[in-house]
Amino acid sequence: EVLEGLKKQEERNKPLSPEMLAKISTGTNIPAFGPADSKVTIVEFSDFQCPFCSRAATAVHSVKEKYGDKVRFVFRQFPLSFHQNAHMSAEAALAANAQGKFWEFHDKAFANQQKLDRASLEGYAKDIGLNVAEFKKALDDKTYAPTVDAELKLGEEVAVDGTPTMFLNGKRVNNPSDTAELSKEIDEALKGKS
């Protein structure tokens, strides 16, 4: 049993194949910033209700400011089942993305992590200038629920077992909520060392 656990851990820590990296980092209308042909691609699987993801969001903000167009960053939804508002928050973020305001919603949701109920999400939509009627309709109709569920399955395919989980050029990032560690790994990848 211990040996099986070790094998699973070893498999989990192997870099992703180029095909799997492409599968998790590309798609239609996925929240991302930076050019698609960047030397460095980071994919994060995250949960809006996860306190560690909130720290990772701060690290991502720093990456965006420091590296700008040198890095491609892709955000994937991975709402954990024990966070009661996480799935709806993920759907809300995708509804914001459909209106071109994912990152504004992302920042607002992580800044107000203790208030992710439906009324609060609608308030954030209004605050960032979304068409609130359209936003509410997307939540009522569960328009983005299948996308969130598909991203959960995608995360499971690459052994995401908690949030935040980040991959840098297919290699799992050890501490995705540590800005300095993330910057170090990006710098090494930009120099071609990883």
Protein backbone atom coordinates (compact mmCIF):
# COMPACT_ATOMS: atom_id res chain seq x y z
CA GLU A 1 0.00 0.00 0.00
CA VAL A 2 2.86 2.38 0.89
CA LEU A 3 4.67 1.42 -2.31
CA GLU A 4 1.52 2.11 -4.33
CA GLY A 5 1.27 5.54 -2.68
CA LEU A 6 4.90 6.31 -3.51
CA LYS A 7 4.41 5.26 -7.14
CA LYS A 8 1.36 7.49 -7.37
CA GLN A 9 3.32 10.42 -5.86
CA GLU A 10 6.20 9.88 -8.29
CA GLU A 11 3.80 9.76 -11.25
CA ARG A 12 2.08 12.94 -9.99
CA ASN A 13 5.38 14.84 -9.91
CA LYS A 14 6.53 13.92 -13.42
CA PRO A 15 6.43 16.79 -15.93
CA LEU A 16 3.39 16.71 -18.20
CA SER A 17 3.73 15.52 -21.77
CA PRO A 18 3.68 18.28 -24.42
CA GLU A 19 0.26 16.98 -25.49
CA MET A 20 -1.15 17.20 -21.97
CA LEU A 21 0.37 20.67 -21.46
CA ALA A 22 -1.30 21.79 -24.69
CA LYS A 23 -4.59 20.27 -23.53
CA ILE A 24 -4.62 22.19 -20.23
CA SER A 25 -3.22 25.47 -21.61
CA THR A 26 -5.31 26.00 -24.73
CA GLY A 27 -8.97 26.31 -25.51
CA THR A 28 -11.67 28.72 -26.54
CA ASN A 29 -12.35 31.68 -24.27
CA ILE A 30 -10.26 30.44 -21.35
CA PRO A 31 -9.13 33.14 -18.93
CA ALA A 32 -5.51 33.92 -19.73
CA PHE A 33 -3.02 36.72 -20.20
CA GLY A 34 0.22 36.91 -22.16
CA PRO A 35 1.02 35.75 -25.69
CA ALA A 36 0.17 32.18 -26.69
CA ASP A 37 3.71 31.65 -28.04
CA SER A 38 5.50 32.63 -24.80
CA LYS A 39 8.59 30.73 -23.76
CA VAL A 40 6.91 30.22 -20.38
CA THR A 41 3.35 28.95 -19.93
CA ILE A 42 1.85 28.71 -16.47
CA VAL A 43 -1.45 26.95 -15.86
CA GLU A 44 -3.14 27.32 -12.48
CA PHE A 45 -6.00 25.19 -11.19
CA SER A 46 -7.73 27.26 -8.52
CA ASP A 47 -10.74 27.60 -6.21
CA PHE A 48 -12.14 31.04 -5.32
CA GLN A 49 -12.95 29.88 -1.79
CA CYS A 50 -9.50 28.43 -1.03
CA PRO A 51 -7.36 30.62 1.27
CA PHE A 52 -4.12 29.35 -0.31
CA CYS A 53 -5.48 30.27 -3.75
CA SER A 54 -5.95 33.79 -2.49
CA ARG A 55 -2.21 33.93 -1.76
CA ALA A 56 -1.51 32.46 -5.19
CA ALA A 57 -3.69 35.21 -6.71
CA THR A 58 -1.33 37.76 -5.15
CA ALA A 59 1.63 35.88 -6.66
CA VAL A 60 -0.10 35.85 -10.06
CA HIS A 61 -0.71 39.60 -9.84
CA SER A 62 3.04 40.07 -9.22
CA VAL A 63 3.86 37.81 -12.19
CA LYS A 64 1.57 39.87 -14.42
CA GLU A 65 3.25 43.11 -13.32
CA LYS A 66 6.83 41.80 -13.43
CA TYR A 67 6.77 39.69 -16.60
CA GLY A 68 3.98 41.26 -18.64
CA ASP A 69 4.08 39.76 -22.12
CA LYS A 70 6.99 37.37 -21.42
CA VAL A 71 4.73 34.82 -19.76
CA ARG A 72 1.46 33.13 -20.75
CA PHE A 73 -0.76 32.52 -17.74
CA VAL A 74 -3.90 30.35 -17.92
CA PHE A 75 -6.49 30.11 -15.15
CA ARG A 76 -8.47 26.88 -14.77
CA GLN A 77 -11.42 26.32 -12.44
CA PHE A 78 -11.04 23.63 -9.79
CA PRO A 79 -13.72 24.26 -7.15
CA LEU A 80 -13.29 21.87 -4.26
CA SER A 81 -16.45 19.99 -3.30
CA PHE A 82 -16.28 21.00 0.39
CA HIS A 83 -16.34 24.73 -0.46
CA GLN A 84 -20.07 25.40 -0.78
CA ASN A 85 -19.77 28.58 -2.90
CA ALA A 86 -16.76 27.56 -4.99
CA HIS A 87 -18.62 26.03 -7.95
CA MET A 88 -21.01 28.97 -8.29
CA SER A 89 -18.07 31.39 -7.95
CA ALA A 90 -16.26 29.56 -10.75
CA GLU A 91 -19.37 29.81 -12.93
CA ALA A 92 -19.64 33.53 -12.06
CA ALA A 93 -16.00 34.09 -13.03
CA LEU A 94 -16.63 32.47 -16.41
CA ALA A 95 -19.74 34.63 -16.86
CA ALA A 96 -17.50 37.66 -16.19
CA ASN A 97 -14.96 36.27 -18.65
CA ALA A 98 -17.67 36.10 -21.32
CA GLN A 99 -18.06 39.87 -20.83
CA GLY A 100 -14.29 40.44 -21.00
CA LYS A 101 -13.81 41.10 -17.29
CA PHE A 102 -12.44 37.86 -15.85
CA TRP A 103 -9.39 39.36 -14.14
CA GLU A 104 -11.40 42.16 -12.55
CA PHE A 105 -13.85 39.57 -11.20
CA HIS A 106 -10.97 37.28 -10.14
CA ASP A 107 -9.40 40.08 -8.09
CA LYS A 108 -12.73 41.14 -6.55
CA ALA A 109 -13.69 37.56 -5.59
CA PHE A 110 -10.32 36.79 -4.01
CA ALA A 111 -10.32 40.12 -2.14
CA ASN A 112 -13.75 39.22 -0.69
CA GLN A 113 -13.28 35.51 -0.20
CA GLN A 114 -15.50 35.34 2.88
CA LYS A 115 -18.49 36.60 0.86
CA LEU A 116 -19.06 34.43 -2.18
CA ASP A 117 -22.80 33.87 -1.87
CA ARG A 118 -25.04 34.62 -4.85
CA ALA A 119 -25.98 38.17 -3.74
CA SER A 120 -22.32 39.08 -3.17
CA LEU A 121 -21.29 37.71 -6.58
CA GLU A 122 -24.00 39.83 -8.21
CA GLY A 123 -22.71 42.84 -6.27
CA TYR A 124 -19.17 42.24 -7.57
CA ALA A 125 -20.53 41.96 -11.10
CA LYS A 126 -22.17 45.35 -10.69
CA ASP A 127 -19.02 46.84 -9.08
CA ILE A 128 -16.82 45.87 -12.04
CA GLY A 129 -19.31 47.09 -14.63
CA LEU A 130 -20.75 43.86 -15.97
CA ASN A 131 -24.16 43.64 -17.60
CA VAL A 132 -25.77 42.29 -14.42
CA ALA A 133 -28.91 40.96 -16.13
CA GLU A 134 -26.75 38.89 -18.49
CA PHE A 135 -24.58 37.77 -15.55
CA LYS A 136 -27.64 36.69 -13.49
CA LYS A 137 -29.10 34.82 -16.48
CA ALA A 138 -25.83 32.88 -16.90
CA LEU A 139 -25.97 31.85 -13.23
CA ASP A 140 -29.70 31.03 -13.35
CA ASP A 141 -29.26 28.94 -16.49
CA LYS A 142 -26.05 27.33 -15.17
CA THR A 143 -24.51 28.30 -18.53
CA TYR A 144 -20.94 27.69 -17.37
CA ALA A 145 -21.52 24.71 -15.04
CA PRO A 146 -20.53 22.19 -17.76
CA THR A 147 -17.31 24.14 -18.41
CA VAL A 148 -16.45 24.16 -14.71
CA ASP A 149 -17.14 20.41 -14.51
CA ALA A 150 -14.98 19.80 -17.60
CA GLU A 151 -12.12 21.77 -16.04
CA LEU A 152 -12.43 19.71 -12.85
CA LYS A 153 -12.05 16.56 -14.95
CA LEU A 154 -9.09 18.12 -16.77
CA GLY A 155 -7.46 18.82 -13.42
CA GLU A 156 -8.03 15.24 -12.32
CA GLU A 157 -6.32 14.05 -15.53
CA VAL A 158 -3.14 15.85 -14.44
CA ALA A 159 -3.41 14.66 -10.81
CA VAL A 160 -4.60 17.93 -9.31
CA ASP A 161 -5.56 16.91 -5.79
CA GLY A 162 -5.69 20.30 -4.11
CA THR A 163 -5.61 23.99 -4.84
CA PRO A 164 -3.79 25.95 -5.93
CA THR A 165 -1.94 23.67 -8.33
CA MET A 166 0.29 25.32 -10.91
CA PHE A 167 2.24 23.93 -13.82
CA LEU A 168 5.10 25.91 -15.35
CA ASN A 169 5.87 24.56 -18.83
CA GLY A 170 4.31 21.29 -17.68
CA LYS A 171 6.33 21.01 -14.47
CA ARG A 172 4.44 21.20 -11.16
CA VAL A 173 5.32 24.35 -9.18
CA ASN A 174 6.34 23.47 -5.62
CA ASN A 175 4.90 26.50 -3.84
CA PRO A 176 2.52 28.40 -6.13
CA SER A 177 1.52 30.90 -3.45
CA ASP A 178 5.11 32.08 -2.87
CA THR A 179 5.83 35.02 -5.19
CA ALA A 180 9.62 34.76 -4.80
CA GLU A 181 9.64 31.01 -5.54
CA LEU A 182 7.38 31.44 -8.55
CA SER A 183 9.55 34.29 -9.90
CA LYS A 184 12.67 32.16 -9.47
CA GLU A 185 11.11 29.29 -11.45
CA ILE A 186 9.95 31.71 -14.18
CA ASP A 187 13.42 33.29 -14.41
CA GLU A 188 15.01 29.85 -14.79
CA ALA A 189 12.52 28.86 -17.48
CA LEU A 190 13.09 32.14 -19.36
CA LYS A 191 16.84 31.40 -19.30
CA GLY A 192 16.08 27.92 -20.62
CA LYS A 193 17.16 26.08 -17.45
CA SER A 194 13.93 24.24 -16.77
